[in-house]
Every structure is written in C-alpha cells, then in structure tokens.
Amino acid sequence: MPVLPIRMLHDRLLVELDAESSERRSAAGIVIPATAVVGKRLAWARIVAVGQQVRQVSLGDTVLFDPEDRSEVELSGTTYLLLREKDVHAVARPDPTREGTGLYL
C-alpha cells in the first residue's frame, strides 16, 4: 500500500479503481472500452484509505460500487475515488484456493 498524504474523516473511503474493470472483453473476444455505455454497470475498486468511523470494510478490501456516485481526487500523480461507506454494495471475499476473487460482472 502506498503511503498517502491524506487522512480520511468520518465514514469516507479512498479507493483505487481496478485496472481490469476499465476495459473488458465479450465472450466472443471483442474488446469493449470503458467509455461504452452498457446499462448501469457497477465497478470494483481496492480500498487504500479509510475514515475512523468506517465499520464494515478495511484497507486492502476489494469493494463493489456504482461509479456514478463518486468523486475523483488526484494524489501524487494517481487518481483515486472518494466514496462513503454506505455507497459500497459488496465486499469481495478472496478465494482461499486461488489468487483473486473469482467475481466477474
């Protein structure tokens, strides 16, 4: 985890978008860019900072959220998203037998 020059307050989360969620591939192998509109699509992100009143998630968790309910901030040349804990829909549970979560949307 990078050391960030910021301290989150209250129930706020600072997340970094999953690089794989920006562009995806269809079952036929067609690349679908992140700018393509396909209904309401949720996104995955990794938590890099949490406020002191956050209860359900912790640093390093991968969370599912609605990308329309977000604010962007740039710190040390990297773009992060600012969320409230209530905006998180789910937390991915890592598969103990393999790498990753095994979750795909």
N, C-alpha and C. Protein backbone atom coordinates (compact mmCIF):
# COMPACT_ATOMS: atom_id res chain seq x y z
N MET A 1 0.84 -1.19 0.00
CA MET A 1 0.00 0.00 0.00
C MET A 1 0.89 1.25 0.00
N PRO A 2 0.58 2.19 -0.87
CA PRO A 2 1.36 3.43 -0.87
C PRO A 2 1.00 4.29 0.35
N VAL A 3 1.97 5.04 0.82
CA VAL A 3 1.71 5.98 1.92
C VAL A 3 1.16 7.26 1.29
N LEU A 4 -0.05 7.62 1.67
CA LEU A 4 -0.71 8.77 1.06
C LEU A 4 -0.66 9.97 1.99
N PRO A 5 -0.55 11.19 1.43
CA PRO A 5 -0.51 12.41 2.23
C PRO A 5 -1.91 12.89 2.60
N ILE A 6 -2.73 11.97 3.11
CA ILE A 6 -4.12 12.31 3.39
C ILE A 6 -4.62 11.43 4.53
N ARG A 7 -5.53 11.99 5.34
CA ARG A 7 -6.18 11.23 6.41
C ARG A 7 -7.67 11.35 6.18
N MET A 8 -8.34 10.24 6.02
CA MET A 8 -9.77 10.24 5.73
C MET A 8 -10.55 10.51 7.02
N LEU A 9 -11.69 11.19 6.88
CA LEU A 9 -12.54 11.53 8.01
C LEU A 9 -13.86 10.78 7.94
N HIS A 10 -14.47 10.60 9.09
CA HIS A 10 -15.81 10.04 9.24
C HIS A 10 -15.95 8.69 8.54
N ASP A 11 -16.95 8.55 7.67
CA ASP A 11 -17.22 7.27 7.01
C ASP A 11 -16.72 7.26 5.56
N ARG A 12 -15.71 8.05 5.27
CA ARG A 12 -15.21 8.17 3.90
C ARG A 12 -14.20 7.07 3.57
N LEU A 13 -14.20 6.68 2.29
CA LEU A 13 -13.26 5.69 1.77
C LEU A 13 -12.53 6.29 0.58
N LEU A 14 -11.26 6.01 0.47
CA LEU A 14 -10.49 6.38 -0.71
C LEU A 14 -10.15 5.08 -1.42
N VAL A 15 -10.57 4.95 -2.69
CA VAL A 15 -10.39 3.70 -3.41
C VAL A 15 -9.65 3.95 -4.71
N GLU A 16 -9.01 2.90 -5.18
CA GLU A 16 -8.31 2.92 -6.46
C GLU A 16 -9.03 1.94 -7.38
N LEU A 17 -9.46 2.42 -8.54
CA LEU A 17 -10.20 1.57 -9.47
C LEU A 17 -9.37 0.37 -9.90
N ASP A 18 -10.04 -0.75 -10.05
CA ASP A 18 -9.40 -1.96 -10.56
C ASP A 18 -9.04 -1.72 -12.02
N ALA A 19 -7.78 -1.90 -12.37
CA ALA A 19 -7.33 -1.63 -13.74
C ALA A 19 -8.04 -2.52 -14.76
N GLU A 20 -8.41 -3.74 -14.36
CA GLU A 20 -9.07 -4.66 -15.28
C GLU A 20 -10.51 -4.26 -15.56
N SER A 21 -11.13 -3.47 -14.66
CA SER A 21 -12.54 -3.11 -14.86
C SER A 21 -12.71 -1.98 -15.85
N SER A 22 -11.64 -1.32 -16.26
CA SER A 22 -11.78 -0.20 -17.18
C SER A 22 -12.11 -0.67 -18.59
N GLU A 23 -11.56 -1.79 -18.99
CA GLU A 23 -11.79 -2.33 -20.33
C GLU A 23 -12.12 -3.80 -20.16
N ARG A 24 -13.09 -4.30 -20.90
CA ARG A 24 -13.44 -5.70 -20.75
C ARG A 24 -13.60 -6.35 -22.11
N ARG A 25 -13.69 -7.67 -22.11
CA ARG A 25 -13.80 -8.45 -23.33
C ARG A 25 -15.10 -9.25 -23.31
N SER A 26 -15.78 -9.28 -24.45
CA SER A 26 -17.01 -10.08 -24.55
C SER A 26 -16.64 -11.55 -24.67
N ALA A 27 -17.64 -12.43 -24.61
CA ALA A 27 -17.40 -13.87 -24.74
C ALA A 27 -16.81 -14.21 -26.10
N ALA A 28 -17.10 -13.40 -27.11
CA ALA A 28 -16.58 -13.63 -28.46
C ALA A 28 -15.18 -13.04 -28.65
N GLY A 29 -14.66 -12.34 -27.62
CA GLY A 29 -13.33 -11.77 -27.72
C GLY A 29 -13.29 -10.32 -28.16
N ILE A 30 -14.43 -9.68 -28.30
CA ILE A 30 -14.48 -8.28 -28.71
C ILE A 30 -14.16 -7.40 -27.51
N VAL A 31 -13.23 -6.46 -27.69
CA VAL A 31 -12.85 -5.54 -26.61
C VAL A 31 -13.90 -4.44 -26.50
N ILE A 32 -14.44 -4.27 -25.27
CA ILE A 32 -15.44 -3.23 -25.00
C ILE A 32 -14.76 -2.15 -24.17
N PRO A 33 -14.59 -0.94 -24.71
CA PRO A 33 -13.90 0.11 -23.96
C PRO A 33 -14.71 0.59 -22.75
N ALA A 34 -14.04 1.22 -21.81
CA ALA A 34 -14.68 1.70 -20.58
C ALA A 34 -15.71 2.79 -20.88
N THR A 35 -15.58 3.47 -22.02
CA THR A 35 -16.50 4.56 -22.35
C THR A 35 -17.81 4.05 -22.94
N ALA A 36 -17.90 2.77 -23.28
CA ALA A 36 -19.14 2.22 -23.84
C ALA A 36 -20.20 2.15 -22.75
N VAL A 37 -21.40 2.60 -23.09
CA VAL A 37 -22.50 2.60 -22.13
C VAL A 37 -23.27 1.28 -22.28
N VAL A 38 -23.29 0.49 -21.20
CA VAL A 38 -23.99 -0.79 -21.21
C VAL A 38 -24.88 -0.83 -19.98
N GLY A 39 -25.97 -0.10 -20.01
CA GLY A 39 -26.86 -0.06 -18.84
C GLY A 39 -26.15 0.52 -17.64
N LYS A 40 -26.60 0.13 -16.48
CA LYS A 40 -25.97 0.59 -15.24
C LYS A 40 -25.00 -0.49 -14.78
N ARG A 41 -23.72 -0.23 -14.90
CA ARG A 41 -22.69 -1.21 -14.59
C ARG A 41 -21.95 -0.78 -13.33
N LEU A 42 -21.83 -1.70 -12.38
CA LEU A 42 -21.08 -1.44 -11.16
C LEU A 42 -19.61 -1.69 -11.40
N ALA A 43 -18.76 -1.16 -10.53
CA ALA A 43 -17.31 -1.27 -10.72
C ALA A 43 -16.66 -1.80 -9.44
N TRP A 44 -15.48 -2.39 -9.60
CA TRP A 44 -14.67 -2.89 -8.48
C TRP A 44 -13.54 -1.92 -8.21
N ALA A 45 -13.18 -1.75 -6.94
CA ALA A 45 -12.05 -0.90 -6.57
C ALA A 45 -11.42 -1.44 -5.29
N ARG A 46 -10.16 -1.09 -5.07
CA ARG A 46 -9.43 -1.51 -3.87
C ARG A 46 -9.34 -0.33 -2.91
N ILE A 47 -9.62 -0.57 -1.63
CA ILE A 47 -9.60 0.48 -0.62
C ILE A 47 -8.15 0.78 -0.23
N VAL A 48 -7.77 2.06 -0.30
CA VAL A 48 -6.41 2.46 0.06
C VAL A 48 -6.35 3.35 1.30
N ALA A 49 -7.51 3.89 1.74
CA ALA A 49 -7.56 4.68 2.97
C ALA A 49 -9.00 4.69 3.49
N VAL A 50 -9.15 4.66 4.83
CA VAL A 50 -10.48 4.65 5.45
C VAL A 50 -10.56 5.69 6.56
N GLY A 51 -11.77 6.21 6.77
CA GLY A 51 -12.01 7.11 7.89
C GLY A 51 -12.19 6.34 9.18
N GLN A 52 -12.14 7.05 10.32
CA GLN A 52 -12.19 6.36 11.62
C GLN A 52 -13.57 5.80 11.96
N GLN A 53 -14.63 6.20 11.28
CA GLN A 53 -15.96 5.69 11.58
C GLN A 53 -16.42 4.59 10.62
N VAL A 54 -15.52 4.10 9.78
CA VAL A 54 -15.84 3.01 8.87
C VAL A 54 -15.85 1.71 9.66
N ARG A 55 -16.93 0.90 9.49
CA ARG A 55 -17.08 -0.32 10.29
C ARG A 55 -17.02 -1.61 9.50
N GLN A 56 -17.52 -1.61 8.27
CA GLN A 56 -17.72 -2.86 7.54
C GLN A 56 -16.58 -3.26 6.60
N VAL A 57 -15.71 -2.34 6.25
CA VAL A 57 -14.62 -2.64 5.31
C VAL A 57 -13.30 -2.21 5.93
N SER A 58 -12.20 -2.68 5.34
CA SER A 58 -10.88 -2.30 5.85
C SER A 58 -9.91 -2.10 4.69
N LEU A 59 -8.72 -1.62 5.00
CA LEU A 59 -7.70 -1.37 3.98
C LEU A 59 -7.42 -2.65 3.19
N GLY A 60 -7.30 -2.49 1.88
CA GLY A 60 -6.97 -3.62 1.02
C GLY A 60 -8.17 -4.40 0.52
N ASP A 61 -9.37 -4.18 1.07
CA ASP A 61 -10.57 -4.88 0.60
C ASP A 61 -10.90 -4.43 -0.82
N THR A 62 -11.48 -5.33 -1.58
CA THR A 62 -11.99 -5.01 -2.91
C THR A 62 -13.49 -4.84 -2.79
N VAL A 63 -14.00 -3.68 -3.20
CA VAL A 63 -15.41 -3.36 -3.00
C VAL A 63 -16.11 -3.10 -4.32
N LEU A 64 -17.43 -3.31 -4.32
CA LEU A 64 -18.27 -3.09 -5.48
C LEU A 64 -19.11 -1.83 -5.23
N PHE A 65 -19.13 -0.92 -6.19
CA PHE A 65 -19.85 0.35 -6.01
C PHE A 65 -20.37 0.85 -7.36
N ASP A 66 -21.26 1.83 -7.30
CA ASP A 66 -21.80 2.45 -8.50
C ASP A 66 -20.87 3.59 -8.92
N PRO A 67 -20.25 3.52 -10.09
CA PRO A 67 -19.30 4.56 -10.48
C PRO A 67 -19.92 5.94 -10.70
N GLU A 68 -21.24 6.02 -10.78
CA GLU A 68 -21.89 7.33 -10.93
C GLU A 68 -21.95 8.09 -9.61
N ASP A 69 -21.82 7.39 -8.49
CA ASP A 69 -21.87 8.01 -7.15
C ASP A 69 -20.46 8.22 -6.61
N ARG A 70 -19.64 8.96 -7.31
CA ARG A 70 -18.25 9.09 -6.88
C ARG A 70 -17.72 10.49 -7.12
N SER A 71 -16.60 10.76 -6.45
CA SER A 71 -15.84 11.99 -6.67
C SER A 71 -14.39 11.59 -6.87
N GLU A 72 -13.72 12.22 -7.81
CA GLU A 72 -12.32 11.88 -8.10
C GLU A 72 -11.38 12.87 -7.43
N VAL A 73 -10.21 12.38 -7.04
CA VAL A 73 -9.16 13.22 -6.48
C VAL A 73 -7.82 12.66 -6.97
N GLU A 74 -6.88 13.56 -7.25
CA GLU A 74 -5.55 13.13 -7.69
C GLU A 74 -4.55 13.41 -6.57
N LEU A 75 -3.83 12.36 -6.16
CA LEU A 75 -2.80 12.46 -5.13
C LEU A 75 -1.53 11.82 -5.64
N SER A 76 -0.44 12.54 -5.58
CA SER A 76 0.87 12.04 -6.01
C SER A 76 0.82 11.45 -7.42
N GLY A 77 0.06 12.08 -8.31
CA GLY A 77 0.01 11.65 -9.70
C GLY A 77 -0.92 10.47 -9.97
N THR A 78 -1.63 9.97 -8.97
CA THR A 78 -2.55 8.84 -9.14
C THR A 78 -3.97 9.32 -8.86
N THR A 79 -4.92 8.89 -9.68
CA THR A 79 -6.31 9.27 -9.49
C THR A 79 -7.00 8.25 -8.60
N TYR A 80 -7.64 8.74 -7.55
CA TYR A 80 -8.41 7.92 -6.62
C TYR A 80 -9.85 8.39 -6.62
N LEU A 81 -10.73 7.56 -6.07
CA LEU A 81 -12.14 7.90 -5.95
C LEU A 81 -12.49 8.02 -4.48
N LEU A 82 -13.35 8.97 -4.18
CA LEU A 82 -13.80 9.20 -2.81
C LEU A 82 -15.24 8.71 -2.70
N LEU A 83 -15.48 7.78 -1.75
CA LEU A 83 -16.80 7.21 -1.54
C LEU A 83 -17.19 7.32 -0.08
N ARG A 84 -18.46 7.15 0.20
CA ARG A 84 -18.94 6.97 1.57
C ARG A 84 -19.14 5.47 1.76
N GLU A 85 -19.02 5.02 3.00
CA GLU A 85 -19.18 3.59 3.25
C GLU A 85 -20.56 3.10 2.81
N LYS A 86 -21.58 3.92 2.93
CA LYS A 86 -22.93 3.50 2.54
C LYS A 86 -23.07 3.31 1.02
N ASP A 87 -22.14 3.85 0.23
CA ASP A 87 -22.18 3.71 -1.22
C ASP A 87 -21.61 2.37 -1.70
N VAL A 88 -21.02 1.60 -0.81
CA VAL A 88 -20.44 0.30 -1.16
C VAL A 88 -21.55 -0.74 -1.13
N HIS A 89 -21.67 -1.50 -2.22
CA HIS A 89 -22.71 -2.52 -2.33
C HIS A 89 -22.25 -3.88 -1.80
N ALA A 90 -20.96 -4.21 -1.96
CA ALA A 90 -20.47 -5.53 -1.55
C ALA A 90 -18.96 -5.48 -1.37
N VAL A 91 -18.46 -6.45 -0.61
CA VAL A 91 -17.02 -6.63 -0.41
C VAL A 91 -16.67 -8.01 -0.96
N ALA A 92 -15.66 -8.07 -1.82
CA ALA A 92 -15.24 -9.35 -2.39
C ALA A 92 -14.49 -10.17 -1.35
N ARG A 93 -14.80 -11.43 -1.31
CA ARG A 93 -14.10 -12.33 -0.40
C ARG A 93 -13.11 -13.14 -1.24
N PRO A 94 -11.82 -13.08 -0.91
CA PRO A 94 -10.83 -13.82 -1.71
C PRO A 94 -11.06 -15.33 -1.65
N ASP A 95 -10.82 -15.99 -2.76
CA ASP A 95 -10.94 -17.44 -2.81
C ASP A 95 -9.71 -18.04 -2.14
N PRO A 96 -9.86 -18.84 -1.08
CA PRO A 96 -8.69 -19.36 -0.35
C PRO A 96 -7.86 -20.35 -1.16
N THR A 97 -8.40 -20.90 -2.23
CA THR A 97 -7.65 -21.89 -3.01
C THR A 97 -6.87 -21.29 -4.16
N ARG A 98 -7.26 -20.07 -4.60
CA ARG A 98 -6.59 -19.44 -5.75
C ARG A 98 -6.39 -17.98 -5.50
N GLU A 99 -5.67 -17.35 -6.43
CA GLU A 99 -5.50 -15.89 -6.40
C GLU A 99 -6.78 -15.24 -6.88
N GLY A 100 -7.05 -14.04 -6.43
CA GLY A 100 -8.19 -13.28 -6.90
C GLY A 100 -9.47 -13.64 -6.19
N THR A 101 -10.57 -13.07 -6.65
CA THR A 101 -11.87 -13.26 -6.02
C THR A 101 -12.76 -14.22 -6.79
N GLY A 102 -12.54 -14.37 -8.08
CA GLY A 102 -13.41 -15.20 -8.88
C GLY A 102 -14.71 -14.51 -9.23
N LEU A 103 -14.82 -13.21 -8.95
CA LEU A 103 -16.05 -12.47 -9.22
C LEU A 103 -15.90 -11.69 -10.50
N TYR A 104 -16.90 -11.82 -11.36
CA TYR A 104 -16.89 -11.10 -12.63
C TYR A 104 -18.27 -10.53 -12.86
N LEU A 105 -18.33 -9.30 -13.35
CA LEU A 105 -19.62 -8.68 -13.67
C LEU A 105 -19.71 -8.47 -15.17
